[in-house]
């Protein structure tokens, strides 16, 4: 993820790939990877999303769930557009 890429509280819910999705494609992949490894959502929020679940538990959980849902959507639908446009540069 680019150093200046800010994580929004909620991931997009559009039915098409957005510029936010392109900018955060690596974040989505890291989320899916961590979930597949059975990592605790609090650890994922801290490491991948840069949020502290002990300070802001509701925000951290909401942001985690929103981005995970978008990551799952991307694997079933949006990835085609992402691949057509090329993988984002790091």
PDB file of N, CA and C in Angstrom:
ATOM      1  N   UNK A   1       0.849  -1.167   0.000  1.00  0.00           N
ATOM      2  CA  UNK A   1       0.000   0.000   0.000  1.00  0.00           C
ATOM      3  C   UNK A   1       0.892   1.225   0.000  1.00  0.00           C
ATOM      4  N   UNK A   2       0.604   2.204  -0.832  1.00  0.00           N
ATOM      5  CA  UNK A   2       1.408   3.420  -0.813  1.00  0.00           C
ATOM      6  C   UNK A   2       1.379   4.049   0.574  1.00  0.00           C
ATOM      7  N   UNK A   3       2.460   4.684   0.965  1.00  0.00           N
ATOM      8  CA  UNK A   3       2.557   5.242   2.308  1.00  0.00           C
ATOM      9  C   UNK A   3       1.465   6.268   2.589  1.00  0.00           C
ATOM     10  N   UNK A   4       0.991   6.949   1.566  1.00  0.00           N
ATOM     11  CA  UNK A   4      -0.022   7.984   1.773  1.00  0.00           C
ATOM     12  C   UNK A   4      -1.444   7.477   1.542  1.00  0.00           C
ATOM     13  N   UNK A   5      -1.619   6.193   1.326  1.00  0.00           N
ATOM     14  CA  UNK A   5      -2.949   5.625   1.098  1.00  0.00           C
ATOM     15  C   UNK A   5      -3.669   5.480   2.428  1.00  0.00           C
ATOM     16  N   UNK A   6      -4.667   6.289   2.629  1.00  0.00           N
ATOM     17  CA  UNK A   6      -5.411   6.275   3.884  1.00  0.00           C
ATOM     18  C   UNK A   6      -6.507   5.220   3.810  1.00  0.00           C
ATOM     19  N   UNK A   7      -6.676   4.500   4.899  1.00  0.00           N
ATOM     20  CA  UNK A   7      -7.748   3.508   4.991  1.00  0.00           C
ATOM     21  C   UNK A   7      -9.022   4.236   5.399  1.00  0.00           C
ATOM     22  N   UNK A   8     -10.050   4.134   4.577  1.00  0.00           N
ATOM     23  CA  UNK A   8     -11.343   4.728   4.899  1.00  0.00           C
ATOM     24  C   UNK A   8     -12.040   3.887   5.960  1.00  0.00           C
ATOM     25  N   UNK A   9     -12.942   4.494   6.696  1.00  0.00           N
ATOM     26  CA  UNK A   9     -13.693   3.738   7.696  1.00  0.00           C
ATOM     27  C   UNK A   9     -14.534   2.649   7.045  1.00  0.00           C
ATOM     28  N   UNK A  10     -15.038   2.922   5.864  1.00  0.00           N
ATOM     29  CA  UNK A  10     -15.826   1.936   5.120  1.00  0.00           C
ATOM     30  C   UNK A  10     -15.263   1.783   3.720  1.00  0.00           C
ATOM     31  N   UNK A  11     -15.125   0.555   3.280  1.00  0.00           N
ATOM     32  CA  UNK A  11     -14.693   0.274   1.908  1.00  0.00           C
ATOM     33  C   UNK A  11     -15.852   0.579   0.960  1.00  0.00           C
ATOM     34  N   UNK A  12     -15.569   0.782  -0.310  1.00  0.00           N
ATOM     35  CA  UNK A  12     -16.641   1.039  -1.272  1.00  0.00           C
ATOM     36  C   UNK A  12     -17.627  -0.126  -1.346  1.00  0.00           C
ATOM     37  N   UNK A  13     -18.828   0.186  -1.786  1.00  0.00           N
ATOM     38  CA  UNK A  13     -19.827  -0.865  -1.992  1.00  0.00           C
ATOM     39  C   UNK A  13     -20.371  -0.834  -3.411  1.00  0.00           C
ATOM     40  N   UNK A  14     -19.715  -0.091  -4.280  1.00  0.00           N
ATOM     41  CA  UNK A  14     -20.135   0.019  -5.678  1.00  0.00           C
ATOM     42  C   UNK A  14     -20.038  -1.334  -6.373  1.00  0.00           C
ATOM     43  N   UNK A  15     -20.829  -1.503  -7.407  1.00  0.00           N
ATOM     44  CA  UNK A  15     -20.815  -2.760  -8.163  1.00  0.00           C
ATOM     45  C   UNK A  15     -19.718  -2.788  -9.221  1.00  0.00           C
ATOM     46  N   UNK A  16     -18.889  -1.769  -9.235  1.00  0.00           N
ATOM     47  CA  UNK A  16     -17.746  -1.753 -10.143  1.00  0.00           C
ATOM     48  C   UNK A  16     -16.500  -1.387  -9.343  1.00  0.00           C
ATOM     49  N   UNK A  17     -15.364  -1.706  -9.923  1.00  0.00           N
ATOM     50  CA  UNK A  17     -14.087  -1.409  -9.296  1.00  0.00           C
ATOM     51  C   UNK A  17     -13.919   0.097  -9.184  1.00  0.00           C
ATOM     52  N   UNK A  18     -13.447   0.564  -8.056  1.00  0.00           N
ATOM     53  CA  UNK A  18     -13.255   1.997  -7.844  1.00  0.00           C
ATOM     54  C   UNK A  18     -11.770   2.331  -7.768  1.00  0.00           C
ATOM     55  N   UNK A  19     -11.462   3.606  -7.795  1.00  0.00           N
ATOM     56  CA  UNK A  19     -10.066   4.010  -7.639  1.00  0.00           C
ATOM     57  C   UNK A  19      -9.559   3.620  -6.244  1.00  0.00           C
ATOM     58  N   UNK A  20     -10.437   3.654  -5.242  1.00  0.00           N
ATOM     59  CA  UNK A  20     -10.055   3.212  -3.901  1.00  0.00           C
ATOM     60  C   UNK A  20      -9.658   1.731  -3.929  1.00  0.00           C
ATOM     61  N   UNK A  21     -10.435   0.922  -4.642  1.00  0.00           N
ATOM     62  CA  UNK A  21     -10.113  -0.505  -4.753  1.00  0.00           C
ATOM     63  C   UNK A  21      -8.742  -0.706  -5.385  1.00  0.00           C
ATOM     64  N   UNK A  22      -8.478   0.023  -6.439  1.00  0.00           N
ATOM     65  CA  UNK A  22      -7.175  -0.102  -7.105  1.00  0.00           C
ATOM     66  C   UNK A  22      -6.044   0.299  -6.161  1.00  0.00           C
ATOM     67  N   UNK A  23      -6.258   1.368  -5.430  1.00  0.00           N
ATOM     68  CA  UNK A  23      -5.246   1.877  -4.515  1.00  0.00           C
ATOM     69  C   UNK A  23      -5.001   0.923  -3.347  1.00  0.00           C
ATOM     70  N   UNK A  24      -6.038   0.167  -2.961  1.00  0.00           N
ATOM     71  CA  UNK A  24      -5.942  -0.702  -1.789  1.00  0.00           C
ATOM     72  C   UNK A  24      -5.980  -2.200  -2.123  1.00  0.00           C
ATOM     73  N   UNK A  25      -5.675  -2.541  -3.358  1.00  0.00           N
ATOM     74  CA  UNK A  25      -5.701  -3.950  -3.772  1.00  0.00           C
ATOM     75  C   UNK A  25      -4.781  -4.804  -2.903  1.00  0.00           C
ATOM     76  N   UNK A  26      -3.622  -4.300  -2.572  1.00  0.00           N
ATOM     77  CA  UNK A  26      -2.686  -5.057  -1.741  1.00  0.00           C
ATOM     78  C   UNK A  26      -3.261  -5.227  -0.329  1.00  0.00           C
ATOM     79  N   UNK A  27      -3.907  -4.210   0.174  1.00  0.00           N
ATOM     80  CA  UNK A  27      -4.558  -4.303   1.484  1.00  0.00           C
ATOM     81  C   UNK A  27      -5.594  -5.420   1.478  1.00  0.00           C
ATOM     82  N   UNK A  28      -6.407  -5.465   0.432  1.00  0.00           N
ATOM     83  CA  UNK A  28      -7.422  -6.515   0.324  1.00  0.00           C
ATOM     84  C   UNK A  28      -6.776  -7.903   0.316  1.00  0.00           C
ATOM     85  N   UNK A  29      -5.696  -8.051  -0.420  1.00  0.00           N
ATOM     86  CA  UNK A  29      -5.020  -9.353  -0.483  1.00  0.00           C
ATOM     87  C   UNK A  29      -4.430  -9.721   0.881  1.00  0.00           C
ATOM     88  N   UNK A  30      -3.876  -8.748   1.572  1.00  0.00           N
ATOM     89  CA  UNK A  30      -3.326  -9.004   2.911  1.00  0.00           C
ATOM     90  C   UNK A  30      -4.429  -9.425   3.873  1.00  0.00           C
ATOM     91  N   UNK A  31      -5.601  -8.798   3.772  1.00  0.00           N
ATOM     92  CA  UNK A  31      -6.738  -9.178   4.611  1.00  0.00           C
ATOM     93  C   UNK A  31      -7.131 -10.629   4.371  1.00  0.00           C
ATOM     94  N   UNK A  32      -7.285 -10.981   3.100  1.00  0.00           N
ATOM     95  CA  UNK A  32      -7.686 -12.349   2.755  1.00  0.00           C
ATOM     96  C   UNK A  32      -6.654 -13.359   3.236  1.00  0.00           C
ATOM     97  N   UNK A  33      -5.399 -13.016   3.088  1.00  0.00           N
ATOM     98  CA  UNK A  33      -4.310 -13.879   3.531  1.00  0.00           C
ATOM     99  C   UNK A  33      -4.354 -14.092   5.047  1.00  0.00           C
ATOM    100  N   UNK A  34      -4.534 -13.020   5.775  1.00  0.00           N
ATOM    101  CA  UNK A  34      -4.569 -13.107   7.235  1.00  0.00           C
ATOM    102  C   UNK A  34      -5.774 -13.912   7.720  1.00  0.00           C
ATOM    103  N   UNK A  35      -6.919 -13.709   7.091  1.00  0.00           N
ATOM    104  CA  UNK A  35      -8.121 -14.463   7.461  1.00  0.00           C
ATOM    105  C   UNK A  35      -7.917 -15.947   7.160  1.00  0.00           C
ATOM    106  N   UNK A  36      -7.304 -16.247   6.023  1.00  0.00           N
ATOM    107  CA  UNK A  36      -7.034 -17.643   5.661  1.00  0.00           C
ATOM    108  C   UNK A  36      -6.094 -18.302   6.679  1.00  0.00           C
ATOM    109  N   UNK A  37      -5.233 -17.496   7.297  1.00  0.00           N
ATOM    110  CA  UNK A  37      -4.317 -18.003   8.327  1.00  0.00           C
ATOM    111  C   UNK A  37      -4.957 -18.020   9.716  1.00  0.00           C
ATOM    112  N   UNK A  38      -6.253 -17.723   9.773  1.00  0.00           N
ATOM    113  CA  UNK A  38      -7.007 -17.698  11.040  1.00  0.00           C
ATOM    114  C   UNK A  38      -6.479 -16.682  12.043  1.00  0.00           C
ATOM    115  N   UNK A  39      -5.967 -15.569  11.544  1.00  0.00           N
ATOM    116  CA  UNK A  39      -5.515 -14.500  12.439  1.00  0.00           C
ATOM    117  C   UNK A  39      -6.736 -13.850  13.089  1.00  0.00           C
ATOM    118  N   UNK A  40      -6.573 -13.382  14.289  1.00  0.00           N
ATOM    119  CA  UNK A  40      -7.628 -12.679  15.007  1.00  0.00           C
ATOM    120  C   UNK A  40      -7.902 -11.340  14.324  1.00  0.00           C
ATOM    121  N   UNK A  41      -9.171 -10.966  14.229  1.00  0.00           N
ATOM    122  CA  UNK A  41      -9.531  -9.727  13.532  1.00  0.00           C
ATOM    123  C   UNK A  41      -8.843  -8.515  14.146  1.00  0.00           C
ATOM    124  N   UNK A  42      -8.608  -8.520  15.463  1.00  0.00           N
ATOM    125  CA  UNK A  42      -7.954  -7.387  16.125  1.00  0.00           C
ATOM    126  C   UNK A  42      -6.497  -7.238  15.659  1.00  0.00           C
ATOM    127  N   UNK A  43      -5.840  -8.369  15.484  1.00  0.00           N
ATOM    128  CA  UNK A  43      -4.463  -8.343  14.989  1.00  0.00           C
ATOM    129  C   UNK A  43      -4.434  -7.841  13.542  1.00  0.00           C
ATOM    130  N   UNK A  44      -5.385  -8.296  12.747  1.00  0.00           N
ATOM    131  CA  UNK A  44      -5.474  -7.860  11.349  1.00  0.00           C
ATOM    132  C   UNK A  44      -5.744  -6.361  11.286  1.00  0.00           C
ATOM    133  N   UNK A  45      -6.675  -5.880  12.110  1.00  0.00           N
ATOM    134  CA  UNK A  45      -6.985  -4.445  12.121  1.00  0.00           C
ATOM    135  C   UNK A  45      -5.742  -3.630  12.463  1.00  0.00           C
ATOM    136  N   UNK A  46      -4.984  -4.113  13.425  1.00  0.00           N
ATOM    137  CA  UNK A  46      -3.787  -3.395  13.862  1.00  0.00           C
ATOM    138  C   UNK A  46      -2.707  -3.407  12.786  1.00  0.00           C
ATOM    139  N   UNK A  47      -2.410  -4.590  12.264  1.00  0.00           N
ATOM    140  CA  UNK A  47      -1.281  -4.733  11.340  1.00  0.00           C
ATOM    141  C   UNK A  47      -1.616  -4.289   9.917  1.00  0.00           C
ATOM    142  N   UNK A  48      -2.744  -4.727   9.406  1.00  0.00           N
ATOM    143  CA  UNK A  48      -3.078  -4.460   8.002  1.00  0.00           C
ATOM    144  C   UNK A  48      -3.750  -3.102   7.814  1.00  0.00           C
ATOM    145  N   UNK A  49      -4.662  -2.764   8.731  1.00  0.00           N
ATOM    146  CA  UNK A  49      -5.433  -1.531   8.551  1.00  0.00           C
ATOM    147  C   UNK A  49      -4.871  -0.350   9.341  1.00  0.00           C
ATOM    148  N   UNK A  50      -3.929  -0.614  10.236  1.00  0.00           N
ATOM    149  CA  UNK A  50      -3.321   0.460  11.002  1.00  0.00           C
ATOM    150  C   UNK A  50      -4.240   1.062  12.053  1.00  0.00           C
ATOM    151  N   UNK A  51      -5.186   0.271  12.563  1.00  0.00           N
ATOM    152  CA  UNK A  51      -6.131   0.735  13.573  1.00  0.00           C
ATOM    153  C   UNK A  51      -5.876   0.012  14.890  1.00  0.00           C
ATOM    154  N   UNK A  52      -6.123   0.700  15.990  1.00  0.00           N
ATOM    155  CA  UNK A  52      -5.930   0.094  17.300  1.00  0.00           C
ATOM    156  C   UNK A  52      -7.285  -0.310  17.873  1.00  0.00           C
ATOM    157  N   UNK A  53      -7.584  -1.607  17.888  1.00  0.00           N
ATOM    158  CA  UNK A  53      -8.883  -2.069  18.367  1.00  0.00           C
ATOM    159  C   UNK A  53      -9.080  -1.898  19.871  1.00  0.00           C
ATOM    160  N   UNK A  54      -8.016  -1.655  20.617  1.00  0.00           N
ATOM    161  CA  UNK A  54      -8.197  -1.407  22.046  1.00  0.00           C
ATOM    162  C   UNK A  54      -8.635   0.041  22.295  1.00  0.00           C
ATOM    163  N   UNK A  55      -8.265   0.939  21.401  1.00  0.00           N
ATOM    164  CA  UNK A  55      -8.632   2.347  21.530  1.00  0.00           C
ATOM    165  C   UNK A  55      -9.982   2.625  20.876  1.00  0.00           C
ATOM    166  N   UNK A  56     -10.190   2.064  19.678  1.00  0.00           N
ATOM    167  CA  UNK A  56     -11.430   2.278  18.915  1.00  0.00           C
ATOM    168  C   UNK A  56     -11.997   0.930  18.458  1.00  0.00           C
ATOM    169  N   UNK A  57     -12.528   0.138  19.374  1.00  0.00           N
ATOM    170  CA  UNK A  57     -12.969  -1.210  19.002  1.00  0.00           C
ATOM    171  C   UNK A  57     -14.092  -1.230  17.958  1.00  0.00           C
ATOM    172  N   UNK A  58     -15.070  -0.350  18.080  1.00  0.00           N
ATOM    173  CA  UNK A  58     -16.183  -0.346  17.128  1.00  0.00           C
ATOM    174  C   UNK A  58     -15.720   0.063  15.732  1.00  0.00           C
ATOM    175  N   UNK A  59     -14.929   1.119  15.668  1.00  0.00           N
ATOM    176  CA  UNK A  59     -14.411   1.580  14.375  1.00  0.00           C
ATOM    177  C   UNK A  59     -13.517   0.514  13.742  1.00  0.00           C
ATOM    178  N   UNK A  60     -12.632  -0.071  14.544  1.00  0.00           N
ATOM    179  CA  UNK A  60     -11.723  -1.086  14.023  1.00  0.00           C
ATOM    180  C   UNK A  60     -12.501  -2.277  13.479  1.00  0.00           C
ATOM    181  N   UNK A  61     -13.517  -2.722  14.209  1.00  0.00           N
ATOM    182  CA  UNK A  61     -14.310  -3.877  13.764  1.00  0.00           C
ATOM    183  C   UNK A  61     -15.089  -3.555  12.493  1.00  0.00           C
ATOM    184  N   UNK A  62     -15.722  -2.392  12.473  1.00  0.00           N
ATOM    185  CA  UNK A  62     -16.504  -1.965  11.305  1.00  0.00           C
ATOM    186  C   UNK A  62     -15.613  -1.832  10.065  1.00  0.00           C
ATOM    187  N   UNK A  63     -14.445  -1.234  10.246  1.00  0.00           N
ATOM    188  CA  UNK A  63     -13.514  -1.058   9.124  1.00  0.00           C
ATOM    189  C   UNK A  63     -13.000  -2.408   8.640  1.00  0.00           C
ATOM    190  N   UNK A  64     -12.649  -3.283   9.575  1.00  0.00           N
ATOM    191  CA  UNK A  64     -12.200  -4.624   9.210  1.00  0.00           C
ATOM    192  C   UNK A  64     -13.274  -5.360   8.416  1.00  0.00           C
ATOM    193  N   UNK A  65     -14.492  -5.394   8.937  1.00  0.00           N
ATOM    194  CA  UNK A  65     -15.574  -6.129   8.261  1.00  0.00           C
ATOM    195  C   UNK A  65     -15.891  -5.552   6.894  1.00  0.00           C
ATOM    196  N   UNK A  66     -15.906  -4.240   6.795  1.00  0.00           N
ATOM    197  CA  UNK A  66     -16.192  -3.583   5.521  1.00  0.00           C
ATOM    198  C   UNK A  66     -15.131  -3.923   4.469  1.00  0.00           C
ATOM    199  N   UNK A  67     -13.877  -3.831   4.857  1.00  0.00           N
ATOM    200  CA  UNK A  67     -12.794  -4.109   3.908  1.00  0.00           C
ATOM    201  C   UNK A  67     -12.690  -5.597   3.573  1.00  0.00           C
ATOM    202  N   UNK A  68     -12.981  -6.450   4.534  1.00  0.00           N
ATOM    203  CA  UNK A  68     -12.978  -7.884   4.244  1.00  0.00           C
ATOM    204  C   UNK A  68     -14.095  -8.230   3.267  1.00  0.00           C
ATOM    205  N   UNK A  69     -15.266  -7.655   3.459  1.00  0.00           N
ATOM    206  CA  UNK A  69     -16.378  -7.897   2.529  1.00  0.00           C
ATOM    207  C   UNK A  69     -16.006  -7.426   1.128  1.00  0.00           C
ATOM    208  N   UNK A  70     -15.337  -6.283   1.036  1.00  0.00           N
ATOM    209  CA  UNK A  70     -14.939  -5.774  -0.277  1.00  0.00           C
ATOM    210  C   UNK A  70     -13.865  -6.672  -0.895  1.00  0.00           C
ATOM    211  N   UNK A  71     -12.953  -7.151  -0.079  1.00  0.00           N
ATOM    212  CA  UNK A  71     -11.913  -8.060  -0.572  1.00  0.00           C
ATOM    213  C   UNK A  71     -12.542  -9.326  -1.143  1.00  0.00           C
ATOM    214  N   UNK A  72     -13.542  -9.842  -0.446  1.00  0.00           N
ATOM    215  CA  UNK A  72     -14.234 -11.042  -0.933  1.00  0.00           C
ATOM    216  C   UNK A  72     -14.987 -10.739  -2.220  1.00  0.00           C
ATOM    217  N   UNK A  73     -15.600  -9.571  -2.308  1.00  0.00           N
ATOM    218  CA  UNK A  73     -16.281  -9.174  -3.546  1.00  0.00           C
ATOM    219  C   UNK A  73     -15.277  -9.119  -4.696  1.00  0.00           C
ATOM    220  N   UNK A  74     -14.116  -8.539  -4.408  1.00  0.00           N
ATOM    221  CA  UNK A  74     -13.085  -8.404  -5.429  1.00  0.00           C
ATOM    222  C   UNK A  74     -12.670  -9.754  -5.992  1.00  0.00           C
ATOM    223  N   UNK A  75     -12.597 -10.777  -5.144  1.00  0.00           N
ATOM    224  CA  UNK A  75     -12.169 -12.096  -5.617  1.00  0.00           C
ATOM    225  C   UNK A  75     -13.203 -12.735  -6.536  1.00  0.00           C
ATOM    226  N   UNK A  76     -14.452 -12.347  -6.406  1.00  0.00           N
ATOM    227  CA  UNK A  76     -15.498 -12.940  -7.230  1.00  0.00           C
ATOM    228  C   UNK A  76     -15.919 -12.106  -8.417  1.00  0.00           C
ATOM    229  N   UNK A  77     -15.683 -10.804  -8.354  1.00  0.00           N
ATOM    230  CA  UNK A  77     -16.198  -9.933  -9.405  1.00  0.00           C
ATOM    231  C   UNK A  77     -15.173  -8.919  -9.906  1.00  0.00           C
ATOM    232  N   UNK A  78     -14.701  -8.070  -9.022  1.00  0.00           N
ATOM    233  CA  UNK A  78     -13.869  -6.948  -9.412  1.00  0.00           C
ATOM    234  C   UNK A  78     -12.489  -7.286  -9.916  1.00  0.00           C
ATOM    235  N   UNK A  79     -12.023  -8.491  -9.628  1.00  0.00           N
ATOM    236  CA  UNK A  79     -10.656  -8.833 -10.029  1.00  0.00           C
ATOM    237  C   UNK A  79     -10.471  -8.758 -11.541  1.00  0.00           C
ATOM    238  N   UNK A  80     -11.514  -9.030 -12.299  1.00  0.00           N
ATOM    239  CA  UNK A  80     -11.392  -8.976 -13.766  1.00  0.00           C
ATOM    240  C   UNK A  80     -10.994  -7.581 -14.226  1.00  0.00           C
ATOM    241  N   UNK A  81     -11.673  -6.578 -13.666  1.00  0.00           N
ATOM    242  CA  UNK A  81     -11.351  -5.196 -14.023  1.00  0.00           C
ATOM    243  C   UNK A  81      -9.969  -4.807 -13.519  1.00  0.00           C
ATOM    244  N   UNK A  82      -9.606  -5.296 -12.348  1.00  0.00           N
ATOM    245  CA  UNK A  82      -8.291  -5.006 -11.801  1.00  0.00           C
ATOM    246  C   UNK A  82      -7.200  -5.577 -12.710  1.00  0.00           C
ATOM    247  N   UNK A  83      -7.391  -6.799 -13.174  1.00  0.00           N
ATOM    248  CA  UNK A  83      -6.404  -7.424 -14.054  1.00  0.00           C
ATOM    249  C   UNK A  83      -6.345  -6.743 -15.418  1.00  0.00           C
ATOM    250  N   UNK A  84      -7.491  -6.327 -15.925  1.00  0.00           N
ATOM    251  CA  UNK A  84      -7.513  -5.617 -17.207  1.00  0.00           C
ATOM    252  C   UNK A  84      -6.736  -4.313 -17.134  1.00  0.00           C
ATOM    253  N   UNK A  85      -6.849  -3.644 -15.994  1.00  0.00           N
ATOM    254  CA  UNK A  85      -6.183  -2.350 -15.839  1.00  0.00           C
ATOM    255  C   UNK A  85      -4.739  -2.466 -15.387  1.00  0.00           C
ATOM    256  N   UNK A  86      -4.317  -3.647 -15.038  1.00  0.00           N
ATOM    257  CA  UNK A  86      -2.948  -3.847 -14.549  1.00  0.00           C
ATOM    258  C   UNK A  86      -2.883  -3.711 -13.054  1.00  0.00           C
ATOM    259  N   UNK A  87      -1.997  -4.452 -12.442  1.00  0.00           N
ATOM    260  CA  UNK A  87      -1.831  -4.433 -10.997  1.00  0.00           C
ATOM    261  C   UNK A  87      -1.271  -3.073 -10.596  1.00  0.00           C
ATOM    262  N   UNK A  88      -1.756  -2.498  -9.487  1.00  0.00           N
ATOM    263  CA  UNK A  88      -1.263  -1.184  -9.055  1.00  0.00           C
ATOM    264  C   UNK A  88       0.229  -1.222  -8.763  1.00  0.00           C
ATOM    265  N   UNK A  89       0.914  -0.132  -9.100  1.00  0.00           N
ATOM    266  CA  UNK A  89       2.355  -0.041  -8.809  1.00  0.00           C
ATOM    267  C   UNK A  89       2.541   0.233  -7.339  1.00  0.00           C
ATOM    268  N   UNK A  90       3.624  -0.285  -6.797  1.00  0.00           N
ATOM    269  CA  UNK A  90       3.915  -0.081  -5.372  1.00  0.00           C
ATOM    270  C   UNK A  90       4.974   0.946  -5.194  1.00  0.00           C
TER     271      UNK A  90
END
